[in-house]
């Protein structure tokens, strides 16, 4: 439709700003998505092949939660668990070009309420594919793993040759499992076929 969507999470409630005039003016969704504990944080949104919009949400509940919009971000239904385990960390959701499939990138790590920071380690950085518009996820693989490091805040863009450029930051964990203040930026370049093999 040409509508632009900008996911936001004011006051730990997720929604989108949307524009139908190439970004000249913006409106916010009529409702915001709420989750318990700290709330709904750092949402990412993507359109499915049937026209729905899915918004994946960072939270403190031990699983990635996804909210669905059937009207291009104007309203959101109650979020549901994706079934993908996670600590409190930011996921990425995007479409795989040339397919109708979705790609999720996130920390596939156990939820641990006793862990020093963010309810568990941000390692490994993993990916999974959905062939049914986000209802189920398969072919879970690790992009990078090191139990002494955190890998966080992934972003992904595909090139015309089918390669995914995945950017994220990483840092060492301190002896008490707090994350070090000094972080490195990393890029992984992966052909889209790898996500299926």
C-alpha atoms as a PDB file:
ATOM      1  CA  UNK A   1       0.000   0.000   0.000  1.00  0.00           C
ATOM      2  CA  UNK A   2       2.995   2.302   0.379  1.00  0.00           C
ATOM      3  CA  UNK A   3       2.298   2.936   4.074  1.00  0.00           C
ATOM      4  CA  UNK A   4       5.406   3.516   6.190  1.00  0.00           C
ATOM      5  CA  UNK A   5       5.555   1.938   9.658  1.00  0.00           C
ATOM      6  CA  UNK A   6       7.891   3.012  12.462  1.00  0.00           C
ATOM      7  CA  UNK A   7       7.733   0.718  15.524  1.00  0.00           C
ATOM      8  CA  UNK A   8       7.945   2.569  18.857  1.00  0.00           C
ATOM      9  CA  UNK A   9       7.590   1.712  22.547  1.00  0.00           C
ATOM     10  CA  UNK A  10       6.780   4.827  24.598  1.00  0.00           C
ATOM     11  CA  UNK A  11       6.354   4.108  28.323  1.00  0.00           C
ATOM     12  CA  UNK A  12       7.106   0.403  27.692  1.00  0.00           C
ATOM     13  CA  UNK A  13       4.009  -0.074  25.519  1.00  0.00           C
ATOM     14  CA  UNK A  14       4.531  -1.042  21.862  1.00  0.00           C
ATOM     15  CA  UNK A  15       2.828   0.399  18.793  1.00  0.00           C
ATOM     16  CA  UNK A  16       3.780   1.964  15.469  1.00  0.00           C
ATOM     17  CA  UNK A  17       3.742   5.391  13.929  1.00  0.00           C
ATOM     18  CA  UNK A  18       2.388   5.182  10.387  1.00  0.00           C
ATOM     19  CA  UNK A  19       2.485   7.526   7.421  1.00  0.00           C
ATOM     20  CA  UNK A  20       0.538   7.450   4.159  1.00  0.00           C
ATOM     21  CA  UNK A  21       2.270  10.495   2.644  1.00  0.00           C
ATOM     22  CA  UNK A  22       5.901   9.358   2.406  1.00  0.00           C
ATOM     23  CA  UNK A  23       6.719  10.472   5.933  1.00  0.00           C
ATOM     24  CA  UNK A  24       5.374  14.033   5.853  1.00  0.00           C
ATOM     25  CA  UNK A  25       2.852  13.325   8.622  1.00  0.00           C
ATOM     26  CA  UNK A  26       2.531  10.487  11.120  1.00  0.00           C
ATOM     27  CA  UNK A  27      -0.201   8.938  13.245  1.00  0.00           C
ATOM     28  CA  UNK A  28       0.147   6.460  16.096  1.00  0.00           C
ATOM     29  CA  UNK A  29      -1.744   3.173  16.299  1.00  0.00           C
ATOM     30  CA  UNK A  30      -5.096   3.509  18.066  1.00  0.00           C
ATOM     31  CA  UNK A  31      -3.961   1.119  20.800  1.00  0.00           C
ATOM     32  CA  UNK A  32      -0.661   0.132  22.374  1.00  0.00           C
ATOM     33  CA  UNK A  33       0.493  -3.389  23.200  1.00  0.00           C
ATOM     34  CA  UNK A  34       1.146  -4.051  26.889  1.00  0.00           C
ATOM     35  CA  UNK A  35       3.047  -6.920  28.512  1.00  0.00           C
ATOM     36  CA  UNK A  36       3.605  -7.619  32.245  1.00  0.00           C
ATOM     37  CA  UNK A  37       6.731  -6.844  34.273  1.00  0.00           C
ATOM     38  CA  UNK A  38       8.855  -4.169  32.576  1.00  0.00           C
ATOM     39  CA  UNK A  39       6.517  -4.080  29.590  1.00  0.00           C
ATOM     40  CA  UNK A  40       6.774  -4.192  25.798  1.00  0.00           C
ATOM     41  CA  UNK A  41      10.093  -2.905  24.475  1.00  0.00           C
ATOM     42  CA  UNK A  42      11.983  -2.322  21.213  1.00  0.00           C
ATOM     43  CA  UNK A  43       9.416  -3.711  18.745  1.00  0.00           C
ATOM     44  CA  UNK A  44      10.233  -4.738  15.184  1.00  0.00           C
ATOM     45  CA  UNK A  45       7.515  -5.096  12.532  1.00  0.00           C
ATOM     46  CA  UNK A  46       7.176  -6.940   9.227  1.00  0.00           C
ATOM     47  CA  UNK A  47       4.347  -7.629   6.774  1.00  0.00           C
ATOM     48  CA  UNK A  48       3.312 -11.196   6.012  1.00  0.00           C
ATOM     49  CA  UNK A  49       2.383 -12.511   2.571  1.00  0.00           C
ATOM     50  CA  UNK A  50      -1.326 -12.275   3.413  1.00  0.00           C
ATOM     51  CA  UNK A  51      -1.092  -8.583   4.289  1.00  0.00           C
ATOM     52  CA  UNK A  52      -1.043  -8.760   8.075  1.00  0.00           C
ATOM     53  CA  UNK A  53       1.650  -6.948  10.053  1.00  0.00           C
ATOM     54  CA  UNK A  54       3.478  -8.784  12.832  1.00  0.00           C
ATOM     55  CA  UNK A  55       5.270  -6.925  15.609  1.00  0.00           C
ATOM     56  CA  UNK A  56       7.827  -8.885  17.640  1.00  0.00           C
ATOM     57  CA  UNK A  57       8.527  -7.476  21.078  1.00  0.00           C
ATOM     58  CA  UNK A  58      11.370  -7.545  23.594  1.00  0.00           C
ATOM     59  CA  UNK A  59      10.037  -8.406  27.059  1.00  0.00           C
ATOM     60  CA  UNK A  60      10.854 -10.046  30.407  1.00  0.00           C
ATOM     61  CA  UNK A  61       8.600 -13.103  30.094  1.00  0.00           C
ATOM     62  CA  UNK A  62      11.024 -15.718  28.725  1.00  0.00           C
ATOM     63  CA  UNK A  63       9.608 -15.941  25.195  1.00  0.00           C
ATOM     64  CA  UNK A  64       9.410 -13.683  22.170  1.00  0.00           C
ATOM     65  CA  UNK A  65       5.891 -12.260  21.953  1.00  0.00           C
ATOM     66  CA  UNK A  66       4.230 -11.263  18.680  1.00  0.00           C
ATOM     67  CA  UNK A  67       1.303  -8.891  18.196  1.00  0.00           C
ATOM     68  CA  UNK A  68      -0.717  -8.895  14.975  1.00  0.00           C
ATOM     69  CA  UNK A  69      -2.396  -6.094  13.030  1.00  0.00           C
ATOM     70  CA  UNK A  70      -4.950  -6.771  10.295  1.00  0.00           C
ATOM     71  CA  UNK A  71      -5.208  -3.118   9.233  1.00  0.00           C
ATOM     72  CA  UNK A  72      -1.588  -2.158   8.527  1.00  0.00           C
ATOM     73  CA  UNK A  73      -0.745  -1.015  12.041  1.00  0.00           C
ATOM     74  CA  UNK A  74      -3.847   0.999  12.920  1.00  0.00           C
ATOM     75  CA  UNK A  75      -4.826  -1.422  15.714  1.00  0.00           C
ATOM     76  CA  UNK A  76      -3.136  -4.391  17.390  1.00  0.00           C
ATOM     77  CA  UNK A  77      -4.484  -7.638  18.757  1.00  0.00           C
ATOM     78  CA  UNK A  78      -3.372  -9.083  22.077  1.00  0.00           C
ATOM     79  CA  UNK A  79       0.224 -10.374  21.837  1.00  0.00           C
ATOM     80  CA  UNK A  80       0.851 -14.120  21.846  1.00  0.00           C
ATOM     81  CA  UNK A  81       3.969 -16.120  22.561  1.00  0.00           C
ATOM     82  CA  UNK A  82       5.967 -17.215  19.535  1.00  0.00           C
ATOM     83  CA  UNK A  83       7.195 -20.319  21.329  1.00  0.00           C
ATOM     84  CA  UNK A  84      10.783 -19.098  20.932  1.00  0.00           C
ATOM     85  CA  UNK A  85      12.614 -18.879  24.258  1.00  0.00           C
ATOM     86  CA  UNK A  86      14.651 -15.782  25.038  1.00  0.00           C
ATOM     87  CA  UNK A  87      16.093 -13.641  27.806  1.00  0.00           C
ATOM     88  CA  UNK A  88      15.247  -9.936  27.811  1.00  0.00           C
ATOM     89  CA  UNK A  89      16.811  -8.911  24.499  1.00  0.00           C
ATOM     90  CA  UNK A  90      15.931  -7.233  21.238  1.00  0.00           C
ATOM     91  CA  UNK A  91      14.863  -9.408  18.261  1.00  0.00           C
ATOM     92  CA  UNK A  92      14.805  -8.700  14.519  1.00  0.00           C
ATOM     93  CA  UNK A  93      12.019  -9.791  12.152  1.00  0.00           C
ATOM     94  CA  UNK A  94      12.259  -9.511   8.362  1.00  0.00           C
ATOM     95  CA  UNK A  95      11.077 -11.128   5.123  1.00  0.00           C
ATOM     96  CA  UNK A  96      13.397 -13.334   3.072  1.00  0.00           C
ATOM     97  CA  UNK A  97      13.341 -11.887  -0.466  1.00  0.00           C
ATOM     98  CA  UNK A  98      12.103 -14.115  -3.265  1.00  0.00           C
ATOM     99  CA  UNK A  99      10.023 -16.091  -0.766  1.00  0.00           C
ATOM    100  CA  UNK A 100       6.987 -15.566   1.429  1.00  0.00           C
ATOM    101  CA  UNK A 101       8.976 -16.655   4.487  1.00  0.00           C
ATOM    102  CA  UNK A 102       9.862 -14.711   7.620  1.00  0.00           C
ATOM    103  CA  UNK A 103      13.272 -14.661   9.293  1.00  0.00           C
ATOM    104  CA  UNK A 104      13.625 -14.137  13.046  1.00  0.00           C
ATOM    105  CA  UNK A 105      17.003 -13.254  14.579  1.00  0.00           C
ATOM    106  CA  UNK A 106      17.212 -13.339  18.376  1.00  0.00           C
ATOM    107  CA  UNK A 107      19.016 -14.777  21.420  1.00  0.00           C
ATOM    108  CA  UNK A 108      17.967 -18.429  21.686  1.00  0.00           C
ATOM    109  CA  UNK A 109      19.002 -18.670  25.317  1.00  0.00           C
ATOM    110  CA  UNK A 110      17.217 -19.931  28.449  1.00  0.00           C
ATOM    111  CA  UNK A 111      15.289 -17.430  30.531  1.00  0.00           C
ATOM    112  CA  UNK A 112      16.979 -17.161  33.952  1.00  0.00           C
ATOM    113  CA  UNK A 113      15.367 -14.820  36.516  1.00  0.00           C
ATOM    114  CA  UNK A 114      18.440 -15.176  38.762  1.00  0.00           C
ATOM    115  CA  UNK A 115      20.931 -14.079  36.084  1.00  0.00           C
ATOM    116  CA  UNK A 116      22.717 -10.789  36.809  1.00  0.00           C
ATOM    117  CA  UNK A 117      21.504  -8.924  33.731  1.00  0.00           C
ATOM    118  CA  UNK A 118      18.496  -9.167  31.420  1.00  0.00           C
ATOM    119  CA  UNK A 119      17.170 -12.526  32.694  1.00  0.00           C
ATOM    120  CA  UNK A 120      19.744 -14.648  30.873  1.00  0.00           C
ATOM    121  CA  UNK A 121      22.725 -14.650  28.545  1.00  0.00           C
ATOM    122  CA  UNK A 122      22.517 -12.884  25.209  1.00  0.00           C
ATOM    123  CA  UNK A 123      24.269 -15.796  23.568  1.00  0.00           C
ATOM    124  CA  UNK A 124      23.905 -17.456  21.141  1.00  0.00           C
ATOM    125  CA  UNK A 125      22.626 -15.133  18.440  1.00  0.00           C
ATOM    126  CA  UNK A 126      20.291 -17.397  16.496  1.00  0.00           C
ATOM    127  CA  UNK A 127      17.857 -17.413  13.586  1.00  0.00           C
ATOM    128  CA  UNK A 128      14.737 -19.304  12.543  1.00  0.00           C
ATOM    129  CA  UNK A 129      12.431 -19.372   9.523  1.00  0.00           C
ATOM    130  CA  UNK A 130       8.631 -19.287   9.436  1.00  0.00           C
ATOM    131  CA  UNK A 131       6.817 -20.564   6.343  1.00  0.00           C
ATOM    132  CA  UNK A 132       3.329 -19.994   7.783  1.00  0.00           C
ATOM    133  CA  UNK A 133       3.235 -16.256   8.514  1.00  0.00           C
ATOM    134  CA  UNK A 134       4.832 -16.473  11.946  1.00  0.00           C
ATOM    135  CA  UNK A 135       2.667 -19.212  13.434  1.00  0.00           C
ATOM    136  CA  UNK A 136       5.520 -21.726  13.727  1.00  0.00           C
ATOM    137  CA  UNK A 137       9.307 -21.492  13.459  1.00  0.00           C
ATOM    138  CA  UNK A 138      11.786 -24.035  12.120  1.00  0.00           C
ATOM    139  CA  UNK A 139      15.420 -24.610  11.253  1.00  0.00           C
ATOM    140  CA  UNK A 140      16.823 -22.853  14.316  1.00  0.00           C
ATOM    141  CA  UNK A 141      20.530 -22.153  13.769  1.00  0.00           C
ATOM    142  CA  UNK A 142      23.226 -20.156  15.548  1.00  0.00           C
ATOM    143  CA  UNK A 143      24.795 -17.199  13.768  1.00  0.00           C
ATOM    144  CA  UNK A 144      27.348 -16.701  16.532  1.00  0.00           C
ATOM    145  CA  UNK A 145      27.832 -18.281  19.936  1.00  0.00           C
ATOM    146  CA  UNK A 146      30.259 -17.726  22.812  1.00  0.00           C
ATOM    147  CA  UNK A 147      29.088 -18.173  26.430  1.00  0.00           C
ATOM    148  CA  UNK A 148      31.540 -15.495  27.621  1.00  0.00           C
ATOM    149  CA  UNK A 149      30.052 -12.799  25.366  1.00  0.00           C
ATOM    150  CA  UNK A 150      26.753 -11.061  24.698  1.00  0.00           C
ATOM    151  CA  UNK A 151      25.455 -10.613  21.132  1.00  0.00           C
ATOM    152  CA  UNK A 152      22.663  -8.097  20.886  1.00  0.00           C
ATOM    153  CA  UNK A 153      20.416  -5.734  18.914  1.00  0.00           C
ATOM    154  CA  UNK A 154      20.548  -7.411  15.499  1.00  0.00           C
ATOM    155  CA  UNK A 155      19.473  -5.749  12.285  1.00  0.00           C
ATOM    156  CA  UNK A 156      19.209  -7.411   8.870  1.00  0.00           C
ATOM    157  CA  UNK A 157      19.040  -6.221   5.273  1.00  0.00           C
ATOM    158  CA  UNK A 158      19.212  -8.384   2.157  1.00  0.00           C
ATOM    159  CA  UNK A 159      21.328  -7.540  -0.877  1.00  0.00           C
ATOM    160  CA  UNK A 160      20.235  -8.125  -4.470  1.00  0.00           C
ATOM    161  CA  UNK A 161      22.476 -11.212  -4.698  1.00  0.00           C
ATOM    162  CA  UNK A 162      20.538 -12.954  -1.916  1.00  0.00           C
ATOM    163  CA  UNK A 163      23.018 -12.302   0.882  1.00  0.00           C
ATOM    164  CA  UNK A 164      21.834 -11.109   4.271  1.00  0.00           C
ATOM    165  CA  UNK A 165      23.887  -8.418   5.991  1.00  0.00           C
ATOM    166  CA  UNK A 166      23.305  -8.894   9.726  1.00  0.00           C
ATOM    167  CA  UNK A 167      24.700  -6.260  12.070  1.00  0.00           C
ATOM    168  CA  UNK A 168      24.808  -6.554  15.867  1.00  0.00           C
ATOM    169  CA  UNK A 169      26.928  -5.528  18.816  1.00  0.00           C
ATOM    170  CA  UNK A 170      28.927  -7.746  21.150  1.00  0.00           C
ATOM    171  CA  UNK A 171      30.776  -7.384  24.446  1.00  0.00           C
ATOM    172  CA  UNK A 172      32.403  -9.596  27.047  1.00  0.00           C
ATOM    173  CA  UNK A 173      30.615 -10.515  30.241  1.00  0.00           C
ATOM    174  CA  UNK A 174      32.398  -9.407  33.413  1.00  0.00           C
ATOM    175  CA  UNK A 175      33.117 -12.015  36.139  1.00  0.00           C
ATOM    176  CA  UNK A 176      29.841 -11.092  37.891  1.00  0.00           C
ATOM    177  CA  UNK A 177      27.960 -11.500  34.555  1.00  0.00           C
ATOM    178  CA  UNK A 178      27.283  -7.829  34.030  1.00  0.00           C
ATOM    179  CA  UNK A 179      27.891  -6.712  30.463  1.00  0.00           C
ATOM    180  CA  UNK A 180      31.076  -4.767  29.828  1.00  0.00           C
ATOM    181  CA  UNK A 181      30.639  -1.107  28.833  1.00  0.00           C
ATOM    182  CA  UNK A 182      32.927  -1.406  25.808  1.00  0.00           C
ATOM    183  CA  UNK A 183      31.150  -2.975  22.849  1.00  0.00           C
ATOM    184  CA  UNK A 184      32.208  -4.012  19.363  1.00  0.00           C
ATOM    185  CA  UNK A 185      30.057  -3.833  16.253  1.00  0.00           C
ATOM    186  CA  UNK A 186      30.019  -6.929  14.059  1.00  0.00           C
ATOM    187  CA  UNK A 187      28.589  -7.869  10.688  1.00  0.00           C
ATOM    188  CA  UNK A 188      27.759 -11.362   9.441  1.00  0.00           C
ATOM    189  CA  UNK A 189      27.158 -11.816   5.703  1.00  0.00           C
ATOM    190  CA  UNK A 190      25.140 -14.953   5.002  1.00  0.00           C
ATOM    191  CA  UNK A 191      23.432 -16.176   1.830  1.00  0.00           C
ATOM    192  CA  UNK A 192      19.705 -16.701   2.284  1.00  0.00           C
ATOM    193  CA  UNK A 193      19.971 -20.404   1.396  1.00  0.00           C
ATOM    194  CA  UNK A 194      21.958 -20.977   4.608  1.00  0.00           C
ATOM    195  CA  UNK A 195      18.847 -20.266   6.663  1.00  0.00           C
ATOM    196  CA  UNK A 196      17.189 -23.339   5.109  1.00  0.00           C
ATOM    197  CA  UNK A 197      20.068 -25.861   5.182  1.00  0.00           C
END
